C-alpha atoms as a PDB file:
ATOM      1  CA  UNK A   1     -22.836-339.276-100.911  1.00  0.00           C
ATOM      2  CA  UNK A   2     -21.434-341.644-103.518  1.00  0.00           C
ATOM      3  CA  UNK A   3     -22.332-340.849-107.107  1.00  0.00           C
ATOM      4  CA  UNK A   4     -22.724-343.637-109.632  1.00  0.00           C
ATOM      5  CA  UNK A   5     -23.377-343.836-113.354  1.00  0.00           C
ATOM      6  CA  UNK A   6     -22.294-341.538-116.145  1.00  0.00           C
ATOM      7  CA  UNK A   7     -22.192-337.905-115.133  1.00  0.00           C
ATOM      8  CA  UNK A   8     -23.652-335.395-117.609  1.00  0.00           C
ATOM      9  CA  UNK A   9     -21.392-332.968-119.438  1.00  0.00           C
ATOM     10  CA  UNK A  10     -21.774-329.905-121.640  1.00  0.00           C
ATOM     11  CA  UNK A  11     -25.291-328.610-122.229  1.00  0.00           C
ATOM     12  CA  UNK A  12     -26.824-331.561-120.350  1.00  0.00           C
ATOM     13  CA  UNK A  13     -24.794-330.702-117.254  1.00  0.00           C
ATOM     14  CA  UNK A  14     -25.681-327.027-117.510  1.00  0.00           C
ATOM     15  CA  UNK A  15     -29.409-327.754-117.907  1.00  0.00           C
ATOM     16  CA  UNK A  16     -29.444-330.292-115.082  1.00  0.00           C
ATOM     17  CA  UNK A  17     -27.636-327.941-112.706  1.00  0.00           C
ATOM     18  CA  UNK A  18     -29.947-325.090-113.643  1.00  0.00           C
ATOM     19  CA  UNK A  19     -32.957-327.231-112.734  1.00  0.00           C
ATOM     20  CA  UNK A  20     -31.396-328.334-109.434  1.00  0.00           C
ATOM     21  CA  UNK A  21     -30.576-324.747-108.511  1.00  0.00           C
ATOM     22  CA  UNK A  22     -34.004-323.326-109.384  1.00  0.00           C
ATOM     23  CA  UNK A  23     -35.925-326.177-107.716  1.00  0.00           C
ATOM     24  CA  UNK A  24     -33.992-325.818-104.457  1.00  0.00           C
ATOM     25  CA  UNK A  25     -34.401-322.038-104.382  1.00  0.00           C
ATOM     26  CA  UNK A  26     -38.122-322.382-105.125  1.00  0.00           C
ATOM     27  CA  UNK A  27     -38.563-324.738-102.148  1.00  0.00           C
ATOM     28  CA  UNK A  28     -36.813-322.321 -99.777  1.00  0.00           C
ATOM     29  CA  UNK A  29     -38.682-319.360-101.284  1.00  0.00           C
ATOM     30  CA  UNK A  30     -41.999-320.957-100.310  1.00  0.00           C
ATOM     31  CA  UNK A  31     -40.859-320.909 -96.670  1.00  0.00           C
ATOM     32  CA  UNK A  32     -39.644-317.320 -97.072  1.00  0.00           C
ATOM     33  CA  UNK A  33     -43.078-316.268 -98.316  1.00  0.00           C
ATOM     34  CA  UNK A  34     -44.721-317.944 -95.349  1.00  0.00           C
ATOM     35  CA  UNK A  35     -42.455-316.093 -92.948  1.00  0.00           C
ATOM     36  CA  UNK A  36     -42.361-312.700 -94.659  1.00  0.00           C
ATOM     37  CA  UNK A  37     -43.775-311.590 -98.021  1.00  0.00           C
ATOM     38  CA  UNK A  38     -41.188-308.934 -98.807  1.00  0.00           C
ATOM     39  CA  UNK A  39     -37.533-308.328 -99.624  1.00  0.00           C
ATOM     40  CA  UNK A  40     -34.958-310.614 -97.969  1.00  0.00           C
ATOM     41  CA  UNK A  41     -31.225-309.977 -97.671  1.00  0.00           C
ATOM     42  CA  UNK A  42     -29.101-312.124 -99.981  1.00  0.00           C
ATOM     43  CA  UNK A  43     -26.164-313.328 -97.898  1.00  0.00           C
ATOM     44  CA  UNK A  44     -24.971-315.926-100.426  1.00  0.00           C
ATOM     45  CA  UNK A  45     -26.769-316.023-103.759  1.00  0.00           C
ATOM     46  CA  UNK A  46     -25.896-319.653-104.493  1.00  0.00           C
ATOM     47  CA  UNK A  47     -24.791-319.607-108.122  1.00  0.00           C
ATOM     48  CA  UNK A  48     -21.279-321.005-107.589  1.00  0.00           C
ATOM     49  CA  UNK A  49     -21.024-324.825-107.810  1.00  0.00           C
ATOM     50  CA  UNK A  50     -18.898-326.559-105.186  1.00  0.00           C
ATOM     51  CA  UNK A  51     -17.285-329.985-105.453  1.00  0.00           C
ATOM     52  CA  UNK A  52     -18.754-332.876-103.468  1.00  0.00           C
ATOM     53  CA  UNK A  53     -18.538-336.664-103.476  1.00  0.00           C
ATOM     54  CA  UNK A  54     -16.282-338.463-105.947  1.00  0.00           C
ATOM     55  CA  UNK A  55     -17.131-336.163-108.885  1.00  0.00           C
ATOM     56  CA  UNK A  56     -20.196-334.141-108.040  1.00  0.00           C
ATOM     57  CA  UNK A  57     -21.389-330.602-107.483  1.00  0.00           C
ATOM     58  CA  UNK A  58     -23.709-328.795-105.104  1.00  0.00           C
ATOM     59  CA  UNK A  59     -24.814-325.246-104.344  1.00  0.00           C
ATOM     60  CA  UNK A  60     -25.075-323.313-101.087  1.00  0.00           C
ATOM     61  CA  UNK A  61     -27.226-320.232-100.585  1.00  0.00           C
ATOM     62  CA  UNK A  62     -28.392-318.096 -97.681  1.00  0.00           C
ATOM     63  CA  UNK A  63     -31.201-315.605 -97.141  1.00  0.00           C
ATOM     64  CA  UNK A  64     -31.957-313.552 -94.033  1.00  0.00           C
ATOM     65  CA  UNK A  65     -34.454-311.059 -92.683  1.00  0.00           C
ATOM     66  CA  UNK A  66     -33.562-308.577 -89.954  1.00  0.00           C
ATOM     67  CA  UNK A  67     -35.948-306.179 -88.253  1.00  0.00           C
ATOM     68  CA  UNK A  68     -34.552-302.842 -87.117  1.00  0.00           C
ATOM     69  CA  UNK A  69     -35.433-299.156 -86.841  1.00  0.00           C
ATOM     70  CA  UNK A  70     -35.253-298.815 -90.620  1.00  0.00           C
ATOM     71  CA  UNK A  71     -37.180-302.021 -91.292  1.00  0.00           C
ATOM     72  CA  UNK A  72     -39.882-302.526 -88.693  1.00  0.00           C
ATOM     73  CA  UNK A  73     -40.427-306.232 -89.432  1.00  0.00           C
ATOM     74  CA  UNK A  74     -40.411-308.297 -86.244  1.00  0.00           C
ATOM     75  CA  UNK A  75     -40.985-311.913 -85.362  1.00  0.00           C
ATOM     76  CA  UNK A  76     -44.606-312.694 -84.429  1.00  0.00           C
ATOM     77  CA  UNK A  77     -45.542-312.051 -80.839  1.00  0.00           C
ATOM     78  CA  UNK A  78     -44.927-314.875 -78.392  1.00  0.00           C
ATOM     79  CA  UNK A  79     -41.915-316.877 -77.375  1.00  0.00           C
ATOM     80  CA  UNK A  80     -39.244-317.856 -79.854  1.00  0.00           C
ATOM     81  CA  UNK A  81     -40.039-321.492 -79.077  1.00  0.00           C
ATOM     82  CA  UNK A  82     -43.614-320.901 -80.196  1.00  0.00           C
ATOM     83  CA  UNK A  83     -42.338-319.410 -83.464  1.00  0.00           C
ATOM     84  CA  UNK A  84     -40.078-322.423 -83.984  1.00  0.00           C
ATOM     85  CA  UNK A  85     -42.988-324.789 -83.349  1.00  0.00           C
ATOM     86  CA  UNK A  86     -45.064-322.912 -85.925  1.00  0.00           C
ATOM     87  CA  UNK A  87     -42.282-323.206 -88.517  1.00  0.00           C
ATOM     88  CA  UNK A  88     -41.829-326.895 -87.699  1.00  0.00           C
ATOM     89  CA  UNK A  89     -45.545-327.520 -88.264  1.00  0.00           C
ATOM     90  CA  UNK A  90     -45.359-325.745 -91.639  1.00  0.00           C
ATOM     91  CA  UNK A  91     -42.328-327.807 -92.677  1.00  0.00           C
ATOM     92  CA  UNK A  92     -44.086-331.054 -91.801  1.00  0.00           C
ATOM     93  CA  UNK A  93     -47.184-330.040 -93.767  1.00  0.00           C
ATOM     94  CA  UNK A  94     -45.079-329.227 -96.829  1.00  0.00           C
ATOM     95  CA  UNK A  95     -43.048-332.415 -97.105  1.00  0.00           C
ATOM     96  CA  UNK A  96     -39.830-331.516 -95.301  1.00  0.00           C
ATOM     97  CA  UNK A  97     -38.216-334.369 -93.364  1.00  0.00           C
ATOM     98  CA  UNK A  98     -35.585-335.010 -90.683  1.00  0.00           C
ATOM     99  CA  UNK A  99     -36.732-331.962 -88.719  1.00  0.00           C
ATOM    100  CA  UNK A 100     -34.683-331.252 -85.589  1.00  0.00           C
ATOM    101  CA  UNK A 101     -35.411-328.291 -83.292  1.00  0.00           C
ATOM    102  CA  UNK A 102     -32.694-327.116 -80.888  1.00  0.00           C
ATOM    103  CA  UNK A 103     -32.669-324.502 -78.142  1.00  0.00           C
ATOM    104  CA  UNK A 104     -29.683-323.581 -76.021  1.00  0.00           C
ATOM    105  CA  UNK A 105     -28.756-322.750 -72.439  1.00  0.00           C
ATOM    106  CA  UNK A 106     -26.291-320.284 -70.987  1.00  0.00           C
ATOM    107  CA  UNK A 107     -28.190-317.170 -72.017  1.00  0.00           C
ATOM    108  CA  UNK A 108     -28.268-318.020 -75.731  1.00  0.00           C
ATOM    109  CA  UNK A 109     -31.649-316.891 -77.076  1.00  0.00           C
ATOM    110  CA  UNK A 110     -31.199-318.246 -80.618  1.00  0.00           C
ATOM    111  CA  UNK A 111     -32.991-321.427 -81.627  1.00  0.00           C
ATOM    112  CA  UNK A 112     -32.273-323.519 -84.712  1.00  0.00           C
ATOM    113  CA  UNK A 113     -34.176-325.941 -86.913  1.00  0.00           C
ATOM    114  CA  UNK A 114     -32.500-328.337 -89.342  1.00  0.00           C
ATOM    115  CA  UNK A 115     -34.407-330.161 -92.050  1.00  0.00           C
ATOM    116  CA  UNK A 116     -34.103-331.529 -95.593  1.00  0.00           C
ATOM    117  CA  UNK A 117     -36.188-332.075 -98.727  1.00  0.00           C
ATOM    118  CA  UNK A 118     -34.339-334.374-101.152  1.00  0.00           C
ATOM    119  CA  UNK A 119     -37.093-334.340-103.782  1.00  0.00           C
ATOM    120  CA  UNK A 120     -36.505-330.568-104.047  1.00  0.00           C
ATOM    121  CA  UNK A 121     -32.714-331.094-104.081  1.00  0.00           C
ATOM    122  CA  UNK A 122     -32.285-329.737-100.537  1.00  0.00           C
ATOM    123  CA  UNK A 123     -29.869-331.877 -98.535  1.00  0.00           C
ATOM    124  CA  UNK A 124     -29.769-329.535 -95.546  1.00  0.00           C
ATOM    125  CA  UNK A 125     -31.584-326.388 -94.467  1.00  0.00           C
ATOM    126  CA  UNK A 126     -30.544-324.606 -91.278  1.00  0.00           C
ATOM    127  CA  UNK A 127     -33.066-322.111 -89.910  1.00  0.00           C
ATOM    128  CA  UNK A 128     -31.749-319.788 -87.213  1.00  0.00           C
ATOM    129  CA  UNK A 129     -34.200-317.625 -85.258  1.00  0.00           C
ATOM    130  CA  UNK A 130     -32.561-314.796 -83.311  1.00  0.00           C
ATOM    131  CA  UNK A 131     -34.870-312.707 -81.129  1.00  0.00           C
ATOM    132  CA  UNK A 132     -33.666-309.471 -79.593  1.00  0.00           C
ATOM    133  CA  UNK A 133     -34.839-306.443 -77.675  1.00  0.00           C
ATOM    134  CA  UNK A 134     -34.125-303.991 -80.510  1.00  0.00           C
ATOM    135  CA  UNK A 135     -34.252-306.279 -83.531  1.00  0.00           C
ATOM    136  CA  UNK A 136     -35.141-309.800 -84.596  1.00  0.00           C
ATOM    137  CA  UNK A 137     -33.529-311.922 -87.282  1.00  0.00           C
ATOM    138  CA  UNK A 138     -34.160-315.153 -89.117  1.00  0.00           C
ATOM    139  CA  UNK A 139     -31.590-316.807 -91.385  1.00  0.00           C
ATOM    140  CA  UNK A 140     -32.041-319.648 -93.878  1.00  0.00           C
ATOM    141  CA  UNK A 141     -28.846-321.495 -94.897  1.00  0.00           C
ATOM    142  CA  UNK A 142     -29.395-324.143 -97.592  1.00  0.00           C
ATOM    143  CA  UNK A 143     -27.165-326.810 -99.130  1.00  0.00           C
ATOM    144  CA  UNK A 144     -28.364-328.728-102.173  1.00  0.00           C
ATOM    145  CA  UNK A 145     -27.991-332.440-102.721  1.00  0.00           C
ATOM    146  CA  UNK A 146     -24.749-333.646-104.291  1.00  0.00           C
ATOM    147  CA  UNK A 147     -25.437-334.199-107.992  1.00  0.00           C
ATOM    148  CA  UNK A 148     -23.345-336.058-110.605  1.00  0.00           C
ATOM    149  CA  UNK A 149     -21.181-333.754-112.686  1.00  0.00           C
ATOM    150  CA  UNK A 150     -17.821-332.053-112.460  1.00  0.00           C
ATOM    151  CA  UNK A 151     -18.050-328.808-110.486  1.00  0.00           C
ATOM    152  CA  UNK A 152     -15.096-327.189-112.260  1.00  0.00           C
ATOM    153  CA  UNK A 153     -16.504-328.068-115.679  1.00  0.00           C
ATOM    154  CA  UNK A 154     -19.894-326.682-114.666  1.00  0.00           C
ATOM    155  CA  UNK A 155     -18.347-323.439-113.485  1.00  0.00           C
ATOM    156  CA  UNK A 156     -16.587-323.071-116.853  1.00  0.00           C
ATOM    157  CA  UNK A 157     -19.947-323.481-118.608  1.00  0.00           C
ATOM    158  CA  UNK A 158     -21.642-320.982-116.335  1.00  0.00           C
ATOM    159  CA  UNK A 159     -18.862-318.386-116.416  1.00  0.00           C
ATOM    160  CA  UNK A 160     -16.892-318.861-119.654  1.00  0.00           C
ATOM    161  CA  UNK A 161     -15.135-315.517-119.151  1.00  0.00           C
ATOM    162  CA  UNK A 162     -14.450-316.124-115.475  1.00  0.00           C
ATOM    163  CA  UNK A 163     -16.372-315.153-112.366  1.00  0.00           C
ATOM    164  CA  UNK A 164     -15.773-311.555-111.334  1.00  0.00           C
ATOM    165  CA  UNK A 165     -18.168-311.502-108.369  1.00  0.00           C
ATOM    166  CA  UNK A 166     -20.357-308.581-107.308  1.00  0.00           C
ATOM    167  CA  UNK A 167     -23.033-309.577-109.833  1.00  0.00           C
ATOM    168  CA  UNK A 168     -25.675-310.723-107.370  1.00  0.00           C
ATOM    169  CA  UNK A 169     -28.414-308.613-105.765  1.00  0.00           C
ATOM    170  CA  UNK A 170     -28.101-307.467-102.169  1.00  0.00           C
ATOM    171  CA  UNK A 171     -31.763-308.215-101.567  1.00  0.00           C
ATOM    172  CA  UNK A 172     -34.440-310.191-103.360  1.00  0.00           C
ATOM    173  CA  UNK A 173     -38.146-311.002-103.075  1.00  0.00           C
ATOM    174  CA  UNK A 174     -38.883-314.734-102.772  1.00  0.00           C
ATOM    175  CA  UNK A 175     -40.911-314.661-106.004  1.00  0.00           C
ATOM    176  CA  UNK A 176     -38.003-313.256-108.052  1.00  0.00           C
ATOM    177  CA  UNK A 177     -36.854-315.532-110.870  1.00  0.00           C
ATOM    178  CA  UNK A 178     -33.435-316.919-109.907  1.00  0.00           C
ATOM    179  CA  UNK A 179     -30.728-316.318-112.489  1.00  0.00           C
ATOM    180  CA  UNK A 180     -28.069-318.850-113.341  1.00  0.00           C
ATOM    181  CA  UNK A 181     -24.656-318.293-114.824  1.00  0.00           C
ATOM    182  CA  UNK A 182     -23.739-314.827-115.928  1.00  0.00           C
ATOM    183  CA  UNK A 183     -25.285-311.681-114.478  1.00  0.00           C
ATOM    184  CA  UNK A 184     -28.965-311.120-115.389  1.00  0.00           C
ATOM    185  CA  UNK A 185     -28.223-308.659-118.225  1.00  0.00           C
ATOM    186  CA  UNK A 186     -25.407-310.708-119.777  1.00  0.00           C
ATOM    187  CA  UNK A 187     -25.617-313.614-122.232  1.00  0.00           C
ATOM    188  CA  UNK A 188     -25.346-317.111-120.783  1.00  0.00           C
ATOM    189  CA  UNK A 189     -23.803-320.220-122.387  1.00  0.00           C
ATOM    190  CA  UNK A 190     -27.053-322.132-122.071  1.00  0.00           C
ATOM    191  CA  UNK A 191     -30.828-321.744-121.830  1.00  0.00           C
ATOM    192  CA  UNK A 192     -32.349-319.331-119.339  1.00  0.00           C
ATOM    193  CA  UNK A 193     -34.512-320.918-116.638  1.00  0.00           C
ATOM    194  CA  UNK A 194     -38.240-320.932-117.291  1.00  0.00           C
ATOM    195  CA  UNK A 195     -40.104-318.456-115.081  1.00  0.00           C
ATOM    196  CA  UNK A 196     -41.298-320.055-111.860  1.00  0.00           C
ATOM    197  CA  UNK A 197     -45.015-319.725-111.200  1.00  0.00           C
ATOM    198  CA  UNK A 198     -45.730-319.377-107.524  1.00  0.00           C
ATOM    199  CA  UNK A 199     -49.167-320.340-106.191  1.00  0.00           C
ATOM    200  CA  UNK A 200     -51.151-317.718-104.371  1.00  0.00           C
ATOM    201  CA  UNK A 201     -50.240-318.150-100.681  1.00  0.00           C
ATOM    202  CA  UNK A 202     -53.109-319.700 -98.718  1.00  0.00           C
ATOM    203  CA  UNK A 203     -51.259-320.293 -95.469  1.00  0.00           C
ATOM    204  CA  UNK A 204     -51.078-317.652 -92.786  1.00  0.00           C
ATOM    205  CA  UNK A 205     -48.876-317.868 -89.702  1.00  0.00           C
ATOM    206  CA  UNK A 206     -50.678-319.310 -86.719  1.00  0.00           C
ATOM    207  CA  UNK A 207     -50.959-316.599 -84.053  1.00  0.00           C
ATOM    208  CA  UNK A 208     -48.750-317.329 -81.101  1.00  0.00           C
ATOM    209  CA  UNK A 209     -50.393-317.379 -77.706  1.00  0.00           C
END
């Protein structure tokens, strides 16, 4: 993506990036709630800006849910293709575009769905559904749109004392307020995000045949 115009700096950059980050996570969280209203594993929290384009930034984040002996969540009954079709229908109803569903041969049971939602700052979302005899898993890998602003400068604003890592939660409920910048209990160099109000879920997964 080619970025044009004057890129924001300072507080404007911080505020813009905060909005992009929260909006993208909110969009993915709505899908998480549809799939499972409970704690999800945080594989990549998504608070570190990456460079993109001529002078832009983007975020990447990943959430997953795995069913096992200690966590009896499982994919709905039915074939994995039926589950993928149900997710695809939900995506279409909620404004996601460019939806591509892929299944594989050679004994590979995983199926994937790719989609995007630019008005929510999601350039790419990869959904991987992995059924198994002893456990099931679903993974959501998201990449935001490339936004104008220097990624290094943004990181300096977000982490003025440097990024030490290990500040993000290992699991998180989709309705949790995403934090931005320093760890939740530390001061940040800019405004905190406004709490996100989630509507009461009205959708329920369509039973698979």
